Amino acid sequence: MSNAKPVYLPMDPNVSLSHEDGELLSAPNKYRRLVDKLIYLTITRPDITYTVQVLSQFMQAPTTTHYTDAFRVLRYLKNYPGQGVLLSAKSAPFLNVYCDSDWGRCPDSRKSVTGYCILLGDSPVSWRTKKQSVVARSTTEAEYRAIATTCEVTWLLQLFKDLTLSSLAPATLRCDNQAALYIAANPVFHERTKRIEVDCHFLREKMQAGVIFPTYVSTKVQLADFFTKIVPVAQHHLLLSKLGVHNIFPPPNLRGCEECRNIKYAAT
């Protein structure tokens, strides 16, 4: 990939990959090995988490289109080789949780995608992109399943307590869907949403116990947004800078990118 042209996003935002795209690869093991390496890389590169989650869905029968998109991730990584998370020693002792979902994102199953990231102060310590197990019948249901990531928060709180950080609760859980927050806070809404599985209501119990504190956040500053979809280049860099992802090398030259001509490296 030394002579490959770099790109500014790990995936084309106008493309929704499907199992029917392209022709089946004659040697699928090449695709599987590449995606395996990319999965490992998501440990330190949250900016490719969503794209790798999409590519990993086609491991059984990858096609030429999927293989081309997997190599696009390498072209993106080539453009930002020194990018990674910064675990700051000055991070404040509290947890910030951002969660989001994209309703009906999968073109094959119409299942929604859940994304979340958890920050200790300003440092990201946990993030994930996952396709939901059932089909959500509304955006509110999809968002409510997304904010049910309380199990991960509970586990982290216990871990930090073992590390003598016992003053982190309540964790602030930020969601950009008002209806989902109303369902979590108002028991009357629960009677109207019985189709939502019982395990999602685990969230309400943790609210009453003072473990988490759900609050509304604008979609423009929803850090979990790019864990559920590919956002425009300018928004991509803005969210990365707010997430605590830094580049140890000088800022890349964005003059050749049409969407970036009016911005000066969002991290600054």
Protein backbone atom coordinates (compact mmCIF):
# COMPACT_ATOMS: atom_id res chain seq x y z
CA MET A 1 0.00 0.00 0.00
CA SER A 2 3.03 2.32 -0.14
CA ASN A 3 1.88 3.87 -3.43
CA ALA A 4 -1.85 3.90 -2.60
CA LYS A 5 -3.69 7.20 -2.55
CA PRO A 6 -4.73 8.11 1.03
CA VAL A 7 -8.35 8.88 1.92
CA TYR A 8 -9.92 10.98 4.67
CA LEU A 9 -12.67 8.56 5.77
CA PRO A 10 -12.41 4.79 6.40
CA MET A 11 -15.56 4.13 4.37
CA ASP A 12 -17.55 5.90 1.68
CA PRO A 13 -20.51 7.56 3.49
CA ASN A 14 -22.74 7.02 0.46
CA VAL A 15 -22.27 3.23 0.43
CA SER A 16 -24.24 0.63 2.42
CA LEU A 17 -22.57 -2.75 2.05
CA SER A 18 -24.75 -5.80 1.47
CA HIS A 19 -24.17 -9.53 1.11
CA GLU A 20 -25.16 -9.28 -2.55
CA ASP A 21 -22.54 -6.70 -3.53
CA GLY A 22 -19.84 -7.86 -5.98
CA GLU A 23 -18.66 -11.36 -6.82
CA LEU A 24 -17.50 -13.98 -4.32
CA LEU A 25 -13.77 -14.04 -3.69
CA SER A 26 -11.89 -17.10 -4.91
CA ALA A 27 -9.56 -16.86 -1.88
CA PRO A 28 -11.69 -15.59 1.05
CA ASN A 29 -8.93 -16.28 3.59
CA LYS A 30 -7.11 -13.14 2.45
CA TYR A 31 -10.12 -11.04 3.38
CA ARG A 32 -10.53 -12.82 6.72
CA ARG A 33 -6.91 -12.32 7.71
CA LEU A 34 -7.06 -8.63 6.82
CA VAL A 35 -10.26 -8.03 8.81
CA ASP A 36 -8.83 -9.98 11.76
CA LYS A 37 -5.90 -7.56 11.87
CA LEU A 38 -8.23 -4.57 11.63
CA ILE A 39 -10.33 -5.90 14.52
CA TYR A 40 -7.19 -6.03 16.64
CA LEU A 41 -6.32 -2.48 15.61
CA THR A 42 -9.66 -1.12 16.90
CA ILE A 43 -8.23 -1.53 20.42
CA THR A 44 -6.32 1.73 19.88
CA ARG A 45 -8.12 3.18 16.86
CA PRO A 46 -11.78 3.97 17.66
CA ASP A 47 -12.08 5.88 14.38
CA ILE A 48 -12.27 2.63 12.38
CA THR A 49 -14.53 0.73 14.80
CA TYR A 50 -17.76 1.20 12.84
CA THR A 51 -16.19 0.33 9.49
CA VAL A 52 -14.53 -2.82 10.84
CA GLN A 53 -17.84 -3.89 12.42
CA VAL A 54 -19.48 -3.64 9.00
CA LEU A 55 -16.69 -5.52 7.23
CA SER A 56 -16.69 -8.32 9.84
CA GLN A 57 -20.27 -9.22 8.92
CA PHE A 58 -19.11 -10.67 5.58
CA MET A 59 -16.42 -13.06 6.83
CA GLN A 60 -18.34 -16.15 5.72
CA ALA A 61 -18.76 -15.14 2.08
CA PRO A 62 -16.74 -11.99 1.24
CA THR A 63 -16.98 -10.46 -2.21
CA THR A 64 -14.75 -8.28 -4.35
CA THR A 65 -16.63 -5.18 -3.17
CA HIS A 66 -16.03 -6.03 0.48
CA TYR A 67 -12.36 -6.65 -0.24
CA THR A 68 -12.02 -3.25 -1.94
CA ASP A 69 -13.64 -1.52 1.04
CA ALA A 70 -11.32 -3.35 3.43
CA PHE A 71 -8.33 -1.96 1.52
CA ARG A 72 -9.88 1.51 1.75
CA VAL A 73 -9.39 1.25 5.52
CA LEU A 74 -5.68 0.73 4.89
CA ARG A 75 -5.60 3.84 2.73
CA TYR A 76 -7.24 5.74 5.59
CA LEU A 77 -4.73 4.40 8.10
CA LYS A 78 -1.89 5.41 5.79
CA ASN A 79 -3.15 9.00 5.96
CA TYR A 80 -3.11 8.99 9.80
CA PRO A 81 -0.40 6.55 10.94
CA GLY A 82 0.27 8.37 14.22
CA GLN A 83 -3.31 8.68 15.39
CA GLY A 84 -4.47 7.13 18.65
CA VAL A 85 -6.13 7.69 22.01
CA LEU A 86 -4.50 9.79 24.72
CA LEU A 87 -4.92 8.53 28.28
CA SER A 88 -4.29 11.76 30.15
CA ALA A 89 -2.88 11.71 33.66
CA LYS A 90 -4.96 14.83 34.38
CA SER A 91 -8.35 13.30 33.56
CA ALA A 92 -11.04 14.25 36.06
CA PRO A 93 -12.41 11.39 38.24
CA PHE A 94 -15.83 10.94 36.61
CA LEU A 95 -17.32 8.84 33.82
CA ASN A 96 -18.96 10.29 30.72
CA VAL A 97 -20.98 7.85 28.61
CA TYR A 98 -22.14 8.66 25.08
CA CYS A 99 -24.53 6.24 23.37
CA ASP A 100 -26.34 6.37 20.06
CA SER A 101 -28.06 4.18 17.51
CA ASP A 102 -28.84 4.29 13.80
CA TRP A 103 -32.30 2.91 13.12
CA GLY A 104 -32.54 0.17 10.47
CA ARG A 105 -28.94 0.66 9.34
CA CYS A 106 -28.34 -2.91 8.07
CA PRO A 107 -29.72 -3.20 4.50
CA ASP A 108 -30.01 -7.00 4.74
CA SER A 109 -31.76 -7.47 8.11
CA ARG A 110 -32.92 -3.91 8.91
CA LYS A 111 -31.46 -4.27 12.39
CA SER A 112 -30.22 -1.10 14.03
CA VAL A 113 -26.63 -0.38 15.03
CA THR A 114 -25.69 0.58 18.58
CA GLY A 115 -22.56 2.57 19.36
CA TYR A 116 -21.17 3.84 22.63
CA CYS A 117 -18.02 5.28 24.12
CA ILE A 118 -17.09 5.75 27.77
CA LEU A 119 -14.65 8.44 28.86
CA LEU A 120 -12.80 8.76 32.15
CA GLY A 121 -12.70 12.54 32.29
CA ASP A 122 -11.46 13.42 28.79
CA SER A 123 -9.84 10.05 28.07
CA PRO A 124 -11.71 7.28 26.22
CA VAL A 125 -11.45 3.95 28.04
CA SER A 126 -14.13 1.85 26.31
CA TRP A 127 -15.97 1.95 22.98
CA ARG A 128 -18.00 -0.42 20.85
CA THR A 129 -20.14 -0.75 17.74
CA LYS A 130 -22.64 -3.60 17.58
CA LYS A 131 -25.66 -4.58 15.53
CA GLN A 132 -28.72 -5.04 17.72
CA SER A 133 -30.04 -8.58 18.16
CA VAL A 134 -33.65 -7.78 17.17
CA VAL A 135 -35.34 -5.45 14.72
CA ALA A 136 -36.43 -2.21 16.39
CA ARG A 137 -39.84 -0.94 15.30
CA SER A 138 -39.07 2.72 15.95
CA THR A 139 -36.16 5.08 16.43
CA THR A 140 -37.12 5.43 20.10
CA GLU A 141 -36.89 1.68 20.64
CA ALA A 142 -33.52 1.56 18.90
CA GLU A 143 -32.22 4.45 21.02
CA TYR A 144 -33.54 2.90 24.22
CA ARG A 145 -31.71 -0.32 23.46
CA ALA A 146 -28.59 1.79 22.92
CA ILE A 147 -28.78 3.45 26.33
CA ALA A 148 -29.11 0.03 27.92
CA THR A 149 -25.31 -0.18 27.82
CA THR A 150 -25.47 0.30 31.57
CA CYS A 151 -23.98 -3.16 32.13
CA GLU A 152 -20.64 -1.96 30.74
CA VAL A 153 -20.78 1.13 32.96
CA THR A 154 -21.54 -1.00 36.03
CA TRP A 155 -18.60 -3.28 35.26
CA LEU A 156 -16.23 -0.32 34.81
CA LEU A 157 -17.37 1.27 38.06
CA GLN A 158 -16.61 -1.96 39.90
CA LEU A 159 -13.22 -2.20 38.18
CA PHE A 160 -12.27 1.36 39.14
CA LYS A 161 -13.49 0.70 42.66
CA ASP A 162 -11.01 -2.17 42.88
CA LEU A 163 -8.36 0.31 41.70
CA THR A 164 -9.30 2.60 44.65
CA LEU A 165 -11.34 5.01 42.46
CA SER A 166 -14.65 4.74 44.27
CA SER A 167 -16.04 8.25 43.70
CA LEU A 168 -16.95 7.92 39.99
CA ALA A 169 -20.71 7.35 40.34
CA PRO A 170 -23.11 8.53 39.18
CA ALA A 171 -21.87 8.24 35.61
CA THR A 172 -23.37 10.76 33.18
CA LEU A 173 -25.08 8.95 30.29
CA ARG A 174 -25.63 11.23 27.30
CA CYS A 175 -28.29 10.43 24.69
CA ASP A 176 -29.66 12.55 21.83
CA ASN A 177 -33.19 11.08 21.88
CA GLN A 178 -35.63 12.74 24.26
CA ALA A 179 -38.26 9.99 24.00
CA ALA A 180 -35.81 7.30 25.13
CA LEU A 181 -34.88 9.41 28.15
CA TYR A 182 -38.56 9.87 29.03
CA ILE A 183 -39.11 6.10 28.90
CA ALA A 184 -36.18 5.56 31.24
CA ALA A 185 -37.38 8.18 33.72
CA ASN A 186 -41.17 7.72 33.63
CA PRO A 187 -42.70 4.34 34.62
CA VAL A 188 -45.92 5.23 32.76
CA PHE A 189 -44.06 4.99 29.47
CA HIS A 190 -42.95 1.45 30.35
CA GLU A 191 -46.52 0.18 30.14
CA ARG A 192 -46.69 1.45 26.57
CA THR A 193 -43.45 -0.13 25.46
CA LYS A 194 -43.73 -3.74 26.62
CA ARG A 195 -42.32 -4.97 23.30
CA ILE A 196 -38.94 -3.68 24.49
CA GLU A 197 -37.21 -6.57 26.20
CA VAL A 198 -37.06 -6.64 29.98
CA ASP A 199 -33.26 -6.51 30.11
CA CYS A 200 -33.36 -2.96 28.74
CA HIS A 201 -35.21 -1.85 31.86
CA PHE A 202 -32.10 -2.67 33.83
CA LEU A 203 -31.27 0.95 33.07
CA ARG A 204 -34.09 2.25 35.25
CA GLU A 205 -32.94 0.21 38.23
CA LYS A 206 -29.44 1.68 37.96
CA MET A 207 -30.92 5.18 37.76
CA GLN A 208 -32.80 4.63 40.99
CA ALA A 209 -29.65 3.23 42.61
CA GLY A 210 -27.72 6.38 41.66
CA VAL A 211 -25.24 4.54 39.43
CA ILE A 212 -25.98 6.55 36.28
CA PHE A 213 -27.58 9.87 35.43
CA PRO A 214 -29.10 10.04 31.90
CA THR A 215 -29.10 13.44 30.24
CA TYR A 216 -29.76 14.90 26.81
CA VAL A 217 -26.99 15.91 24.43
CA SER A 218 -27.29 17.57 21.04
CA THR A 219 -26.71 15.38 17.99
CA LYS A 220 -23.99 17.79 16.81
CA VAL A 221 -21.79 16.91 19.80
CA GLN A 222 -22.87 13.29 20.20
CA LEU A 223 -19.49 11.52 20.29
CA ALA A 224 -21.08 8.12 19.68
CA ASP A 225 -22.45 9.33 16.35
CA PHE A 226 -19.52 8.05 14.31
CA PHE A 227 -19.75 4.65 16.04
CA THR A 228 -23.06 4.13 14.23
CA LYS A 229 -22.42 5.69 10.80
CA ILE A 230 -19.86 7.40 8.59
CA VAL A 231 -20.11 11.16 9.14
CA PRO A 232 -18.74 13.93 6.87
CA VAL A 233 -15.02 14.65 7.06
CA ALA A 234 -15.31 17.89 9.04
CA GLN A 235 -17.61 16.28 11.62
CA HIS A 236 -15.36 13.21 11.72
CA HIS A 237 -12.33 15.29 12.78
CA LEU A 238 -14.39 17.36 15.21
CA LEU A 239 -15.73 14.29 17.02
CA LEU A 240 -12.29 12.68 17.11
CA SER A 241 -10.79 15.76 18.76
CA LYS A 242 -13.56 15.82 21.38
CA LEU A 243 -13.18 12.09 21.95
CA GLY A 244 -9.53 12.49 22.89
CA VAL A 245 -7.98 10.98 19.75
CA HIS A 246 -4.74 12.72 18.84
CA ASN A 247 -2.18 12.56 16.06
CA ILE A 248 1.46 12.54 17.17
CA PHE A 249 2.51 13.68 13.70
CA PRO A 250 1.84 17.12 12.14
CA PRO A 251 -1.74 17.64 10.89
CA PRO A 252 -2.36 16.10 7.47
CA ASN A 253 -2.73 18.26 4.40
CA LEU A 254 -6.46 18.57 3.84
CA ARG A 255 -6.32 20.96 0.90
CA GLY A 256 -7.15 18.24 -1.58
CA CYS A 257 -10.37 17.35 0.19
CA GLU A 258 -13.43 19.26 -0.99
CA GLU A 259 -15.18 19.05 2.39
CA CYS A 260 -12.13 20.30 4.31
CA ARG A 261 -11.25 23.45 2.43
CA ASN A 262 -13.18 25.59 4.90
CA ILE A 263 -11.80 24.04 8.08
CA LYS A 264 -8.41 24.09 9.76
CA TYR A 265 -7.77 20.74 11.35
CA ALA A 266 -10.57 20.46 13.91
CA ALA A 267 -8.27 19.16 16.65
CA THR A 268 -6.70 22.61 16.96
